[in-house]
Amino acid sequence: MKKLLYVLLTFAVLVGILLLTLPTILHKAGLHPQYTGESVALPGKRAPIITDRRMTGVTDKQIKELGIEVTPLHPETELRKAGVNFESRTAFRDFLATHVTVDDEKRFVTGQNHNSGLETAHVMMQILAERK
């Protein structure tokens, strides 16, 4: 019985490692785009579709609290540069905060960080249910 438990535990750990590394493996094989977090591409001088919309994302404070120093774009900074009405909540640590923002036309549903994922999904489903 003890040996079976060790085998199952080892199997679970190996599956967990595979699941954690799968995006990297697929990206290197050219089958999966690498996700580096929210970013806003601002090509040329065109006005982005997000200008004057209410949105949220990872805050500059959160990036500082997590000690992230090497990133090409910081979501809050770039969203504000794009003319977004940026909303956020703060907490003891910003990565513990949760906030979901829906723009006035209900076209964009954004979550402040990974903690907002569940609430963001629920809000998206509510909006889709209302459209039927």
N, C-alpha and C. Protein backbone atom coordinates (compact mmCIF):
# COMPACT_ATOMS: atom_id res chain seq x y z
N MET A 1 0.83 -1.19 0.00
CA MET A 1 0.00 0.00 0.00
C MET A 1 0.87 1.26 0.00
N LYS A 2 1.93 1.23 0.81
CA LYS A 2 2.82 2.37 0.90
C LYS A 2 3.53 2.60 -0.43
N LYS A 3 3.92 1.51 -1.09
CA LYS A 3 4.60 1.62 -2.37
C LYS A 3 3.66 2.22 -3.43
N LEU A 4 2.40 1.82 -3.42
CA LEU A 4 1.42 2.36 -4.34
C LEU A 4 1.24 3.87 -4.13
N LEU A 5 1.23 4.29 -2.87
CA LEU A 5 1.11 5.70 -2.54
C LEU A 5 2.29 6.48 -3.10
N TYR A 6 3.51 5.95 -2.96
CA TYR A 6 4.70 6.61 -3.51
C TYR A 6 4.64 6.69 -5.04
N VAL A 7 4.17 5.64 -5.68
CA VAL A 7 4.05 5.63 -7.14
C VAL A 7 3.04 6.69 -7.58
N LEU A 8 1.90 6.76 -6.91
CA LEU A 8 0.88 7.75 -7.27
C LEU A 8 1.37 9.17 -7.02
N LEU A 9 2.07 9.37 -5.92
CA LEU A 9 2.61 10.70 -5.60
C LEU A 9 3.65 11.11 -6.64
N THR A 10 4.51 10.20 -7.02
CA THR A 10 5.53 10.47 -8.03
C THR A 10 4.87 10.81 -9.37
N PHE A 11 3.85 10.04 -9.72
CA PHE A 11 3.11 10.29 -10.96
C PHE A 11 2.47 11.68 -10.94
N ALA A 12 1.85 12.03 -9.81
CA ALA A 12 1.20 13.34 -9.68
C ALA A 12 2.22 14.47 -9.82
N VAL A 13 3.39 14.31 -9.23
CA VAL A 13 4.43 15.33 -9.33
C VAL A 13 4.90 15.47 -10.77
N LEU A 14 5.11 14.35 -11.45
CA LEU A 14 5.56 14.38 -12.84
C LEU A 14 4.52 15.03 -13.76
N VAL A 15 3.25 14.72 -13.54
CA VAL A 15 2.18 15.34 -14.33
C VAL A 15 2.15 16.84 -14.06
N GLY A 16 2.31 17.23 -12.80
CA GLY A 16 2.34 18.65 -12.45
C GLY A 16 3.48 19.38 -13.14
N ILE A 17 4.65 18.78 -13.14
CA ILE A 17 5.80 19.39 -13.82
C ILE A 17 5.53 19.52 -15.31
N LEU A 18 4.97 18.47 -15.90
CA LEU A 18 4.64 18.52 -17.33
C LEU A 18 3.66 19.64 -17.63
N LEU A 19 2.62 19.78 -16.81
CA LEU A 19 1.62 20.81 -17.04
C LEU A 19 2.21 22.21 -16.89
N LEU A 20 3.14 22.37 -15.96
CA LEU A 20 3.77 23.67 -15.78
C LEU A 20 4.71 24.03 -16.92
N THR A 21 5.36 23.02 -17.50
CA THR A 21 6.33 23.29 -18.56
C THR A 21 5.73 23.18 -19.96
N LEU A 22 4.52 22.69 -20.08
CA LEU A 22 3.90 22.48 -21.39
C LEU A 22 3.85 23.74 -22.26
N PRO A 23 3.44 24.90 -21.72
CA PRO A 23 3.43 26.10 -22.58
C PRO A 23 4.82 26.42 -23.14
N THR A 24 5.87 26.26 -22.33
CA THR A 24 7.22 26.52 -22.79
C THR A 24 7.63 25.53 -23.87
N ILE A 25 7.31 24.26 -23.67
CA ILE A 25 7.64 23.23 -24.66
C ILE A 25 6.91 23.52 -25.97
N LEU A 26 5.63 23.84 -25.89
CA LEU A 26 4.86 24.12 -27.10
C LEU A 26 5.36 25.38 -27.80
N HIS A 27 5.74 26.40 -27.01
CA HIS A 27 6.25 27.64 -27.60
C HIS A 27 7.54 27.37 -28.37
N LYS A 28 8.44 26.60 -27.79
CA LYS A 28 9.71 26.30 -28.46
C LYS A 28 9.49 25.47 -29.72
N ALA A 29 8.41 24.70 -29.73
CA ALA A 29 8.09 23.91 -30.92
C ALA A 29 7.32 24.75 -31.94
N GLY A 30 7.00 26.00 -31.59
CA GLY A 30 6.28 26.88 -32.49
C GLY A 30 4.79 26.64 -32.52
N LEU A 31 4.26 25.95 -31.52
CA LEU A 31 2.85 25.60 -31.49
C LEU A 31 2.02 26.41 -30.50
N HIS A 32 2.66 27.23 -29.71
CA HIS A 32 1.95 27.96 -28.65
C HIS A 32 2.62 29.31 -28.46
N PRO A 33 1.87 30.40 -28.52
CA PRO A 33 2.50 31.70 -28.29
C PRO A 33 2.88 31.86 -26.82
N GLN A 34 4.00 32.50 -26.59
CA GLN A 34 4.44 32.72 -25.22
C GLN A 34 3.66 33.89 -24.64
N TYR A 35 3.08 33.71 -23.46
CA TYR A 35 2.33 34.77 -22.79
C TYR A 35 3.23 35.43 -21.77
N THR A 36 3.36 36.74 -21.88
CA THR A 36 4.21 37.46 -20.95
C THR A 36 3.41 38.46 -20.13
N GLY A 37 2.12 38.28 -20.06
CA GLY A 37 1.29 39.19 -19.27
C GLY A 37 0.59 40.19 -20.17
N GLU A 38 -0.29 40.97 -19.58
CA GLU A 38 -1.03 41.96 -20.35
C GLU A 38 -0.08 42.99 -20.94
N SER A 39 -0.33 43.37 -22.15
CA SER A 39 0.44 44.45 -22.75
C SER A 39 -0.44 45.15 -23.78
N VAL A 40 -0.05 46.34 -24.13
CA VAL A 40 -0.82 47.13 -25.08
C VAL A 40 0.12 47.52 -26.20
N ALA A 41 -0.15 47.04 -27.39
CA ALA A 41 0.67 47.41 -28.54
C ALA A 41 0.17 48.75 -29.09
N LEU A 42 1.08 49.66 -29.26
CA LEU A 42 0.72 50.99 -29.76
C LEU A 42 1.49 51.26 -31.04
N PRO A 43 1.08 50.63 -32.15
CA PRO A 43 1.81 50.83 -33.40
C PRO A 43 1.59 52.23 -33.95
N GLY A 44 2.67 52.88 -34.34
CA GLY A 44 2.58 54.22 -34.94
C GLY A 44 1.88 55.21 -34.04
N LYS A 45 1.12 56.09 -34.63
CA LYS A 45 0.42 57.13 -33.88
C LYS A 45 -1.09 56.94 -33.94
N ARG A 46 -1.55 55.76 -34.38
CA ARG A 46 -2.99 55.53 -34.48
C ARG A 46 -3.61 55.49 -33.09
N ALA A 47 -4.84 55.92 -33.00
CA ALA A 47 -5.56 55.87 -31.73
C ALA A 47 -6.03 54.44 -31.49
N PRO A 48 -5.62 53.82 -30.40
CA PRO A 48 -6.03 52.44 -30.12
C PRO A 48 -7.53 52.35 -29.82
N ILE A 49 -8.08 51.18 -30.03
CA ILE A 49 -9.49 50.91 -29.80
C ILE A 49 -9.86 51.08 -28.32
N ILE A 50 -8.86 51.06 -27.46
CA ILE A 50 -9.13 51.12 -26.02
C ILE A 50 -9.15 52.54 -25.46
N THR A 51 -8.84 53.54 -26.28
CA THR A 51 -8.82 54.93 -25.81
C THR A 51 -10.17 55.31 -25.21
N ASP A 52 -10.14 55.97 -24.07
CA ASP A 52 -11.31 56.46 -23.34
C ASP A 52 -12.21 55.35 -22.80
N ARG A 53 -11.70 54.16 -22.67
CA ARG A 53 -12.47 53.07 -22.07
C ARG A 53 -11.99 52.80 -20.65
N ARG A 54 -12.90 52.28 -19.84
CA ARG A 54 -12.55 51.88 -18.48
C ARG A 54 -11.91 50.49 -18.53
N MET A 55 -10.72 50.36 -17.95
CA MET A 55 -10.01 49.08 -17.94
C MET A 55 -9.18 48.98 -16.67
N THR A 56 -8.71 47.76 -16.41
CA THR A 56 -7.79 47.53 -15.31
C THR A 56 -6.74 46.55 -15.77
N GLY A 57 -5.75 46.35 -14.97
CA GLY A 57 -4.66 45.42 -15.25
C GLY A 57 -3.70 45.45 -14.09
N VAL A 58 -2.59 44.79 -14.27
CA VAL A 58 -1.56 44.76 -13.22
C VAL A 58 -1.09 46.19 -12.98
N THR A 59 -1.02 46.57 -11.71
CA THR A 59 -0.64 47.94 -11.37
C THR A 59 0.87 48.10 -11.29
N ASP A 60 1.34 49.33 -11.44
CA ASP A 60 2.76 49.63 -11.29
C ASP A 60 3.21 49.29 -9.86
N LYS A 61 2.32 49.53 -8.90
CA LYS A 61 2.64 49.22 -7.51
C LYS A 61 2.86 47.71 -7.33
N GLN A 62 2.03 46.91 -7.98
CA GLN A 62 2.17 45.46 -7.88
C GLN A 62 3.50 45.00 -8.48
N ILE A 63 3.86 45.55 -9.63
CA ILE A 63 5.12 45.19 -10.27
C ILE A 63 6.29 45.53 -9.35
N LYS A 64 6.20 46.68 -8.70
CA LYS A 64 7.26 47.09 -7.77
C LYS A 64 7.30 46.17 -6.55
N GLU A 65 6.13 45.83 -6.01
CA GLU A 65 6.07 44.96 -4.83
C GLU A 65 6.63 43.57 -5.12
N LEU A 66 6.44 43.09 -6.34
CA LEU A 66 6.93 41.76 -6.70
C LEU A 66 8.39 41.78 -7.14
N GLY A 67 8.97 42.97 -7.21
CA GLY A 67 10.38 43.08 -7.57
C GLY A 67 10.66 42.81 -9.04
N ILE A 68 9.67 43.02 -9.88
CA ILE A 68 9.85 42.79 -11.31
C ILE A 68 10.54 44.02 -11.90
N GLU A 69 11.73 43.81 -12.44
CA GLU A 69 12.49 44.93 -12.97
C GLU A 69 12.67 44.88 -14.47
N VAL A 70 12.68 43.68 -15.04
CA VAL A 70 12.96 43.54 -16.46
C VAL A 70 11.69 43.14 -17.20
N THR A 71 10.91 44.12 -17.60
CA THR A 71 9.73 43.87 -18.43
C THR A 71 9.70 44.94 -19.50
N PRO A 72 9.28 44.55 -20.70
CA PRO A 72 9.25 45.56 -21.77
C PRO A 72 8.18 46.63 -21.57
N LEU A 73 7.03 46.24 -21.07
CA LEU A 73 5.93 47.17 -20.86
C LEU A 73 5.27 46.88 -19.52
N HIS A 74 4.85 47.92 -18.86
CA HIS A 74 4.10 47.77 -17.62
C HIS A 74 2.64 48.11 -17.92
N PRO A 75 1.72 47.17 -17.65
CA PRO A 75 0.32 47.37 -18.06
C PRO A 75 -0.30 48.70 -17.66
N GLU A 76 -0.19 49.08 -16.39
CA GLU A 76 -0.84 50.32 -15.97
C GLU A 76 -0.28 51.51 -16.74
N THR A 77 1.02 51.59 -16.82
CA THR A 77 1.67 52.71 -17.51
C THR A 77 1.25 52.77 -18.98
N GLU A 78 1.28 51.62 -19.66
CA GLU A 78 0.97 51.59 -21.08
C GLU A 78 -0.51 51.84 -21.36
N LEU A 79 -1.37 51.31 -20.49
CA LEU A 79 -2.80 51.56 -20.66
C LEU A 79 -3.11 53.04 -20.49
N ARG A 80 -2.50 53.66 -19.49
CA ARG A 80 -2.71 55.10 -19.29
C ARG A 80 -2.20 55.91 -20.49
N LYS A 81 -1.04 55.50 -21.02
CA LYS A 81 -0.49 56.19 -22.21
C LYS A 81 -1.44 56.07 -23.39
N ALA A 82 -2.17 54.95 -23.46
CA ALA A 82 -3.10 54.72 -24.57
C ALA A 82 -4.42 55.45 -24.36
N GLY A 83 -4.55 56.16 -23.25
CA GLY A 83 -5.75 56.94 -23.02
C GLY A 83 -6.86 56.19 -22.29
N VAL A 84 -6.51 55.10 -21.65
CA VAL A 84 -7.49 54.30 -20.91
C VAL A 84 -7.77 54.97 -19.57
N ASN A 85 -9.03 54.89 -19.13
CA ASN A 85 -9.40 55.32 -17.78
C ASN A 85 -9.11 54.14 -16.87
N PHE A 86 -7.89 54.09 -16.34
CA PHE A 86 -7.40 52.95 -15.58
C PHE A 86 -8.01 52.93 -14.17
N GLU A 87 -8.56 51.78 -13.78
CA GLU A 87 -9.13 51.59 -12.45
C GLU A 87 -8.37 50.47 -11.76
N SER A 88 -8.25 50.57 -10.44
CA SER A 88 -7.63 49.48 -9.69
C SER A 88 -8.02 49.59 -8.22
N ARG A 89 -7.75 48.53 -7.52
CA ARG A 89 -7.92 48.51 -6.06
C ARG A 89 -6.56 48.22 -5.45
N THR A 90 -6.40 48.65 -4.24
CA THR A 90 -5.17 48.33 -3.54
C THR A 90 -5.49 47.47 -2.33
N ALA A 91 -4.49 46.77 -1.87
CA ALA A 91 -4.62 45.92 -0.69
C ALA A 91 -3.31 46.03 0.07
N PHE A 92 -3.20 45.24 1.12
CA PHE A 92 -1.94 45.21 1.87
C PHE A 92 -0.79 45.02 0.89
N ARG A 93 -0.97 44.10 -0.02
CA ARG A 93 -0.10 43.90 -1.17
C ARG A 93 -1.01 43.91 -2.39
N ASP A 94 -0.64 44.64 -3.42
CA ASP A 94 -1.53 44.77 -4.58
C ASP A 94 -1.81 43.44 -5.27
N PHE A 95 -0.88 42.49 -5.19
CA PHE A 95 -1.16 41.22 -5.85
C PHE A 95 -2.23 40.43 -5.12
N LEU A 96 -2.67 40.90 -3.95
CA LEU A 96 -3.79 40.29 -3.23
C LEU A 96 -5.11 40.99 -3.55
N ALA A 97 -5.02 42.14 -4.21
CA ALA A 97 -6.22 42.90 -4.56
C ALA A 97 -6.94 42.21 -5.72
N THR A 98 -8.23 42.41 -5.79
CA THR A 98 -9.00 41.88 -6.91
C THR A 98 -9.96 42.97 -7.38
N HIS A 99 -10.02 43.12 -8.70
CA HIS A 99 -10.90 44.15 -9.26
C HIS A 99 -11.21 43.78 -10.71
N VAL A 100 -12.47 43.92 -11.08
CA VAL A 100 -12.91 43.67 -12.45
C VAL A 100 -13.56 44.93 -12.97
N THR A 101 -13.20 45.30 -14.19
CA THR A 101 -13.75 46.49 -14.81
C THR A 101 -14.40 46.11 -16.14
N VAL A 102 -15.59 46.67 -16.37
CA VAL A 102 -16.30 46.48 -17.63
C VAL A 102 -16.49 47.86 -18.24
N ASP A 103 -16.10 48.02 -19.50
CA ASP A 103 -16.28 49.32 -20.14
C ASP A 103 -17.77 49.59 -20.35
N ASP A 104 -18.11 50.82 -20.65
CA ASP A 104 -19.51 51.23 -20.75
C ASP A 104 -20.29 50.49 -21.83
N GLU A 105 -19.64 50.08 -22.89
CA GLU A 105 -20.31 49.36 -23.97
C GLU A 105 -20.35 47.85 -23.72
N LYS A 106 -19.76 47.42 -22.64
CA LYS A 106 -19.66 46.00 -22.28
C LYS A 106 -18.94 45.19 -23.37
N ARG A 107 -17.89 45.79 -23.91
CA ARG A 107 -17.08 45.10 -24.93
C ARG A 107 -15.79 44.59 -24.33
N PHE A 108 -15.29 45.23 -23.29
CA PHE A 108 -14.03 44.84 -22.67
C PHE A 108 -14.26 44.53 -21.20
N VAL A 109 -13.88 43.34 -20.79
CA VAL A 109 -13.94 42.93 -19.39
C VAL A 109 -12.51 42.62 -18.99
N THR A 110 -11.99 43.38 -18.04
CA THR A 110 -10.59 43.19 -17.65
C THR A 110 -10.48 42.94 -16.15
N GLY A 111 -9.52 42.11 -15.77
CA GLY A 111 -9.26 41.81 -14.37
C GLY A 111 -7.92 42.39 -13.97
N GLN A 112 -7.82 42.83 -12.73
CA GLN A 112 -6.61 43.50 -12.27
C GLN A 112 -5.41 42.57 -12.27
N ASN A 113 -5.60 41.34 -11.85
CA ASN A 113 -4.47 40.40 -11.80
C ASN A 113 -5.02 38.97 -11.75
N HIS A 114 -4.15 38.02 -11.48
CA HIS A 114 -4.57 36.62 -11.47
C HIS A 114 -5.66 36.33 -10.44
N ASN A 115 -5.72 37.07 -9.38
CA ASN A 115 -6.76 36.86 -8.38
C ASN A 115 -8.15 37.26 -8.89
N SER A 116 -8.19 38.02 -9.96
CA SER A 116 -9.46 38.48 -10.51
C SER A 116 -10.02 37.54 -11.58
N GLY A 117 -9.33 36.47 -11.86
CA GLY A 117 -9.72 35.57 -12.94
C GLY A 117 -11.12 35.00 -12.81
N LEU A 118 -11.45 34.50 -11.64
CA LEU A 118 -12.77 33.88 -11.43
C LEU A 118 -13.88 34.92 -11.60
N GLU A 119 -13.72 36.05 -10.94
CA GLU A 119 -14.74 37.10 -11.03
C GLU A 119 -14.86 37.63 -12.46
N THR A 120 -13.73 37.75 -13.16
CA THR A 120 -13.76 38.21 -14.55
C THR A 120 -14.55 37.25 -15.42
N ALA A 121 -14.33 35.95 -15.23
CA ALA A 121 -15.07 34.94 -15.99
C ALA A 121 -16.56 35.02 -15.70
N HIS A 122 -16.92 35.20 -14.44
CA HIS A 122 -18.34 35.29 -14.09
C HIS A 122 -19.00 36.51 -14.74
N VAL A 123 -18.30 37.64 -14.71
CA VAL A 123 -18.85 38.85 -15.32
C VAL A 123 -19.01 38.67 -16.83
N MET A 124 -18.04 38.04 -17.46
CA MET A 124 -18.12 37.79 -18.90
C MET A 124 -19.34 36.91 -19.21
N MET A 125 -19.54 35.88 -18.43
CA MET A 125 -20.68 34.99 -18.66
C MET A 125 -22.00 35.72 -18.44
N GLN A 126 -22.07 36.62 -17.44
CA GLN A 126 -23.28 37.41 -17.21
C GLN A 126 -23.59 38.29 -18.41
N ILE A 127 -22.56 38.92 -18.96
CA ILE A 127 -22.75 39.79 -20.12
C ILE A 127 -23.24 38.98 -21.32
N LEU A 128 -22.65 37.82 -21.54
CA LEU A 128 -23.10 36.97 -22.65
C LEU A 128 -24.54 36.48 -22.45
N ALA A 129 -24.90 36.17 -21.21
CA ALA A 129 -26.26 35.72 -20.92
C ALA A 129 -27.27 36.83 -21.18
N GLU A 130 -26.90 38.07 -20.88
CA GLU A 130 -27.78 39.22 -21.11
C GLU A 130 -28.01 39.49 -22.60
N ARG A 131 -27.06 39.10 -23.44
CA ARG A 131 -27.15 39.37 -24.88
C ARG A 131 -28.07 38.41 -25.61
N LYS A 132 -28.43 37.31 -25.00
CA LYS A 132 -29.28 36.29 -25.65
C LYS A 132 -30.71 36.73 -25.75
